[in-house]
N, C-alpha and C. Protein backbone atom coordinates (compact mmCIF):
# COMPACT_ATOMS: atom_id res chain seq x y z
N MET A 1 82.29 -105.92 9.71
CA MET A 1 82.49 -107.19 9.08
C MET A 1 83.95 -107.33 8.69
N THR A 2 84.52 -108.44 8.93
CA THR A 2 85.90 -108.73 8.52
C THR A 2 85.89 -109.89 7.56
N LEU A 3 86.49 -109.71 6.43
CA LEU A 3 86.57 -110.75 5.39
C LEU A 3 88.03 -111.13 5.24
N THR A 4 88.31 -112.41 5.23
CA THR A 4 89.69 -112.85 5.06
C THR A 4 89.82 -113.63 3.77
N ARG A 5 91.05 -113.89 3.35
CA ARG A 5 91.29 -114.65 2.13
C ARG A 5 90.60 -115.99 2.19
N SER A 6 90.55 -116.64 3.35
CA SER A 6 89.92 -117.96 3.43
C SER A 6 88.42 -117.88 3.22
N ASP A 7 87.84 -116.70 3.43
CA ASP A 7 86.38 -116.55 3.20
C ASP A 7 86.02 -116.64 1.72
N LEU A 8 86.96 -116.37 0.85
CA LEU A 8 86.68 -116.40 -0.58
C LEU A 8 86.16 -117.78 -1.02
N LYS A 9 86.70 -118.82 -0.41
CA LYS A 9 86.27 -120.17 -0.78
C LYS A 9 84.88 -120.50 -0.29
N TRP A 10 84.34 -119.65 0.61
CA TRP A 10 83.02 -119.94 1.18
C TRP A 10 81.91 -119.18 0.49
N TYR A 11 82.23 -118.40 -0.53
CA TYR A 11 81.18 -117.76 -1.30
C TYR A 11 80.26 -118.86 -1.80
N GLY A 12 78.99 -118.70 -1.64
CA GLY A 12 78.04 -119.68 -2.09
C GLY A 12 76.66 -119.33 -1.57
N ASN A 13 75.77 -120.29 -1.56
CA ASN A 13 74.43 -119.99 -1.10
C ASN A 13 74.20 -120.49 0.34
N GLU A 14 73.01 -120.30 0.82
CA GLU A 14 72.73 -120.61 2.23
C GLU A 14 72.76 -122.12 2.50
N TRP A 15 72.77 -122.94 1.47
CA TRP A 15 72.83 -124.40 1.67
C TRP A 15 74.23 -124.93 1.57
N GLY A 16 75.20 -124.05 1.43
CA GLY A 16 76.60 -124.47 1.42
C GLY A 16 77.09 -124.89 0.05
N ILE A 17 76.27 -124.62 -0.98
CA ILE A 17 76.71 -124.97 -2.34
C ILE A 17 77.68 -123.86 -2.81
N PRO A 18 78.90 -124.25 -3.19
CA PRO A 18 79.89 -123.26 -3.57
C PRO A 18 79.47 -122.44 -4.79
N ALA A 19 79.96 -121.22 -4.85
CA ALA A 19 79.66 -120.36 -5.98
C ALA A 19 80.46 -120.80 -7.20
N THR A 20 79.93 -120.50 -8.36
CA THR A 20 80.69 -120.75 -9.58
C THR A 20 81.79 -119.72 -9.70
N PRO A 21 82.78 -119.97 -10.55
CA PRO A 21 83.85 -118.97 -10.72
C PRO A 21 83.32 -117.57 -11.14
N GLU A 22 82.30 -117.55 -11.97
CA GLU A 22 81.72 -116.26 -12.35
C GLU A 22 81.04 -115.57 -11.17
N GLN A 23 80.34 -116.35 -10.35
CA GLN A 23 79.69 -115.80 -9.15
C GLN A 23 80.74 -115.26 -8.18
N VAL A 24 81.88 -115.97 -8.04
CA VAL A 24 82.94 -115.51 -7.15
C VAL A 24 83.46 -114.15 -7.62
N LYS A 25 83.63 -113.98 -8.94
CA LYS A 25 84.08 -112.69 -9.48
C LYS A 25 83.12 -111.59 -9.10
N VAL A 26 81.84 -111.83 -9.27
CA VAL A 26 80.82 -110.83 -8.95
C VAL A 26 80.81 -110.52 -7.47
N LEU A 27 80.87 -111.55 -6.63
CA LEU A 27 80.83 -111.33 -5.21
C LEU A 27 82.05 -110.62 -4.71
N ALA A 28 83.22 -110.97 -5.20
CA ALA A 28 84.46 -110.31 -4.82
C ALA A 28 84.44 -108.83 -5.24
N LEU A 29 83.97 -108.56 -6.44
CA LEU A 29 83.86 -107.18 -6.90
C LEU A 29 82.88 -106.40 -6.04
N ASN A 30 81.76 -107.02 -5.66
CA ASN A 30 80.80 -106.36 -4.81
C ASN A 30 81.42 -106.02 -3.44
N ASP A 31 82.21 -106.91 -2.88
CA ASP A 31 82.88 -106.63 -1.59
C ASP A 31 83.86 -105.48 -1.73
N LEU A 32 84.61 -105.45 -2.85
CA LEU A 32 85.54 -104.33 -3.06
C LEU A 32 84.82 -103.02 -3.22
N ARG A 33 83.74 -103.02 -3.97
CA ARG A 33 82.94 -101.79 -4.16
C ARG A 33 82.32 -101.34 -2.83
N ALA A 34 81.81 -102.29 -2.05
CA ALA A 34 81.19 -101.92 -0.76
C ALA A 34 82.20 -101.22 0.16
N SER A 35 83.42 -101.75 0.14
CA SER A 35 84.46 -101.14 0.98
C SER A 35 84.85 -99.77 0.48
N ALA A 36 84.94 -99.61 -0.85
CA ALA A 36 85.39 -98.37 -1.45
C ALA A 36 84.33 -97.25 -1.31
N HIS A 37 83.07 -97.61 -1.35
CA HIS A 37 82.01 -96.60 -1.39
C HIS A 37 81.18 -96.46 -0.14
N ALA A 38 81.59 -97.10 0.93
CA ALA A 38 80.84 -97.06 2.16
C ALA A 38 80.94 -95.65 2.77
N GLU A 39 79.83 -95.10 3.21
CA GLU A 39 79.84 -93.79 3.87
C GLU A 39 80.36 -93.93 5.30
N ARG A 40 80.16 -95.09 5.89
CA ARG A 40 80.67 -95.37 7.22
C ARG A 40 80.70 -96.92 7.36
N ASP A 41 81.43 -97.38 8.34
CA ASP A 41 81.53 -98.81 8.61
C ASP A 41 82.01 -99.62 7.40
N ALA A 42 82.99 -99.07 6.68
CA ALA A 42 83.57 -99.79 5.54
C ALA A 42 84.33 -101.02 6.04
N LEU A 43 84.45 -102.02 5.16
CA LEU A 43 85.24 -103.18 5.50
C LEU A 43 86.68 -102.79 5.74
N VAL A 44 87.26 -103.32 6.80
CA VAL A 44 88.65 -103.05 7.14
C VAL A 44 89.33 -104.38 7.32
N TRP A 45 90.49 -104.59 6.67
CA TRP A 45 91.22 -105.83 6.76
C TRP A 45 92.56 -105.62 7.45
N ASP A 46 92.91 -106.48 8.38
CA ASP A 46 94.12 -106.36 9.13
C ASP A 46 95.08 -107.49 8.75
N ASP A 47 95.46 -107.52 7.47
CA ASP A 47 96.32 -108.60 6.99
C ASP A 47 97.37 -108.14 5.98
N ASP A 48 97.74 -106.86 6.11
CA ASP A 48 98.79 -106.26 5.25
C ASP A 48 98.46 -106.38 3.78
N GLY A 49 97.17 -106.26 3.41
CA GLY A 49 96.80 -106.22 2.02
C GLY A 49 96.46 -107.58 1.38
N ALA A 50 96.61 -108.65 2.14
CA ALA A 50 96.39 -109.98 1.56
C ALA A 50 94.95 -110.18 1.08
N THR A 51 93.97 -109.69 1.84
CA THR A 51 92.59 -109.86 1.43
C THR A 51 92.26 -108.99 0.23
N VAL A 52 92.75 -107.75 0.17
CA VAL A 52 92.56 -106.91 -0.99
C VAL A 52 93.15 -107.58 -2.23
N GLN A 53 94.33 -108.18 -2.10
CA GLN A 53 94.95 -108.89 -3.20
C GLN A 53 94.10 -110.05 -3.64
N ALA A 54 93.61 -110.84 -2.68
CA ALA A 54 92.77 -112.00 -3.02
C ALA A 54 91.48 -111.61 -3.69
N LEU A 55 90.84 -110.54 -3.19
CA LEU A 55 89.60 -110.07 -3.82
C LEU A 55 89.86 -109.53 -5.22
N ALA A 56 90.94 -108.77 -5.37
CA ALA A 56 91.27 -108.24 -6.70
C ALA A 56 91.55 -109.37 -7.68
N ASN A 57 92.27 -110.37 -7.25
CA ASN A 57 92.55 -111.52 -8.11
C ASN A 57 91.27 -112.24 -8.50
N ALA A 58 90.38 -112.47 -7.50
CA ALA A 58 89.11 -113.17 -7.73
C ALA A 58 88.23 -112.40 -8.69
N ALA A 59 88.24 -111.04 -8.54
CA ALA A 59 87.37 -110.20 -9.36
C ALA A 59 87.99 -109.91 -10.73
N GLY A 60 89.31 -110.14 -10.84
CA GLY A 60 89.99 -109.88 -12.11
C GLY A 60 90.17 -108.41 -12.37
N VAL A 61 90.43 -107.62 -11.30
CA VAL A 61 90.58 -106.17 -11.46
C VAL A 61 91.82 -105.69 -10.76
N ALA A 62 92.26 -104.50 -11.09
CA ALA A 62 93.35 -103.84 -10.39
C ALA A 62 92.71 -102.95 -9.30
N VAL A 63 93.31 -102.90 -8.14
CA VAL A 63 92.75 -102.15 -7.02
C VAL A 63 93.85 -101.27 -6.43
N THR A 64 93.56 -99.98 -6.25
CA THR A 64 94.46 -99.07 -5.54
C THR A 64 93.83 -98.79 -4.19
N TYR A 65 94.63 -98.91 -3.13
CA TYR A 65 94.10 -98.72 -1.79
C TYR A 65 95.19 -98.08 -0.94
N VAL A 66 94.84 -97.63 0.25
CA VAL A 66 95.78 -97.05 1.17
C VAL A 66 96.02 -98.02 2.33
N HIS A 67 97.27 -98.35 2.55
CA HIS A 67 97.67 -99.22 3.68
C HIS A 67 98.14 -98.29 4.78
N VAL A 68 97.57 -98.44 5.97
CA VAL A 68 97.92 -97.61 7.10
C VAL A 68 98.56 -98.48 8.18
N ASP A 69 99.72 -98.08 8.63
CA ASP A 69 100.42 -98.78 9.74
C ASP A 69 100.29 -97.89 10.96
N LEU A 70 99.44 -98.27 11.87
CA LEU A 70 99.20 -97.47 13.06
C LEU A 70 100.37 -97.50 14.02
N ALA A 71 101.17 -98.51 13.98
CA ALA A 71 102.33 -98.59 14.85
C ALA A 71 103.37 -97.52 14.51
N THR A 72 103.56 -97.31 13.21
CA THR A 72 104.55 -96.32 12.77
C THR A 72 103.90 -95.03 12.30
N MET A 73 102.58 -94.99 12.29
CA MET A 73 101.83 -93.80 11.85
C MET A 73 102.22 -93.40 10.44
N THR A 74 102.22 -94.40 9.55
CA THR A 74 102.54 -94.14 8.14
C THR A 74 101.38 -94.64 7.28
N ALA A 75 101.27 -94.02 6.10
CA ALA A 75 100.26 -94.46 5.13
C ALA A 75 101.00 -94.65 3.79
N GLU A 76 100.58 -95.68 3.08
CA GLU A 76 101.21 -96.02 1.82
C GLU A 76 100.12 -96.37 0.80
N ARG A 77 100.20 -95.76 -0.37
CA ARG A 77 99.25 -96.06 -1.46
C ARG A 77 99.77 -97.28 -2.19
N ARG A 78 98.92 -98.30 -2.38
CA ARG A 78 99.33 -99.54 -3.05
C ARG A 78 98.36 -99.87 -4.17
N THR A 79 98.88 -100.53 -5.20
CA THR A 79 98.04 -101.03 -6.29
C THR A 79 98.33 -102.51 -6.49
N VAL A 80 97.27 -103.30 -6.50
CA VAL A 80 97.42 -104.75 -6.71
C VAL A 80 96.58 -105.16 -7.90
């Protein structure tokens, strides 16, 4: 599954009713936790940290993650 920053505005129910701000916080936090604690097939974002930043902002939390650049074979620890 790939989640992008634009997906945050689509949090809601199956009828297309948007989520409340409190529901968005819960859903964003759930997505962050699912990625952090997945045993396999964790969410991976290919947007230089923009989605992690958007989810952290929506959830109202600080997030530390590892950014990997496969082109240069480098890894960088980031906190947003």
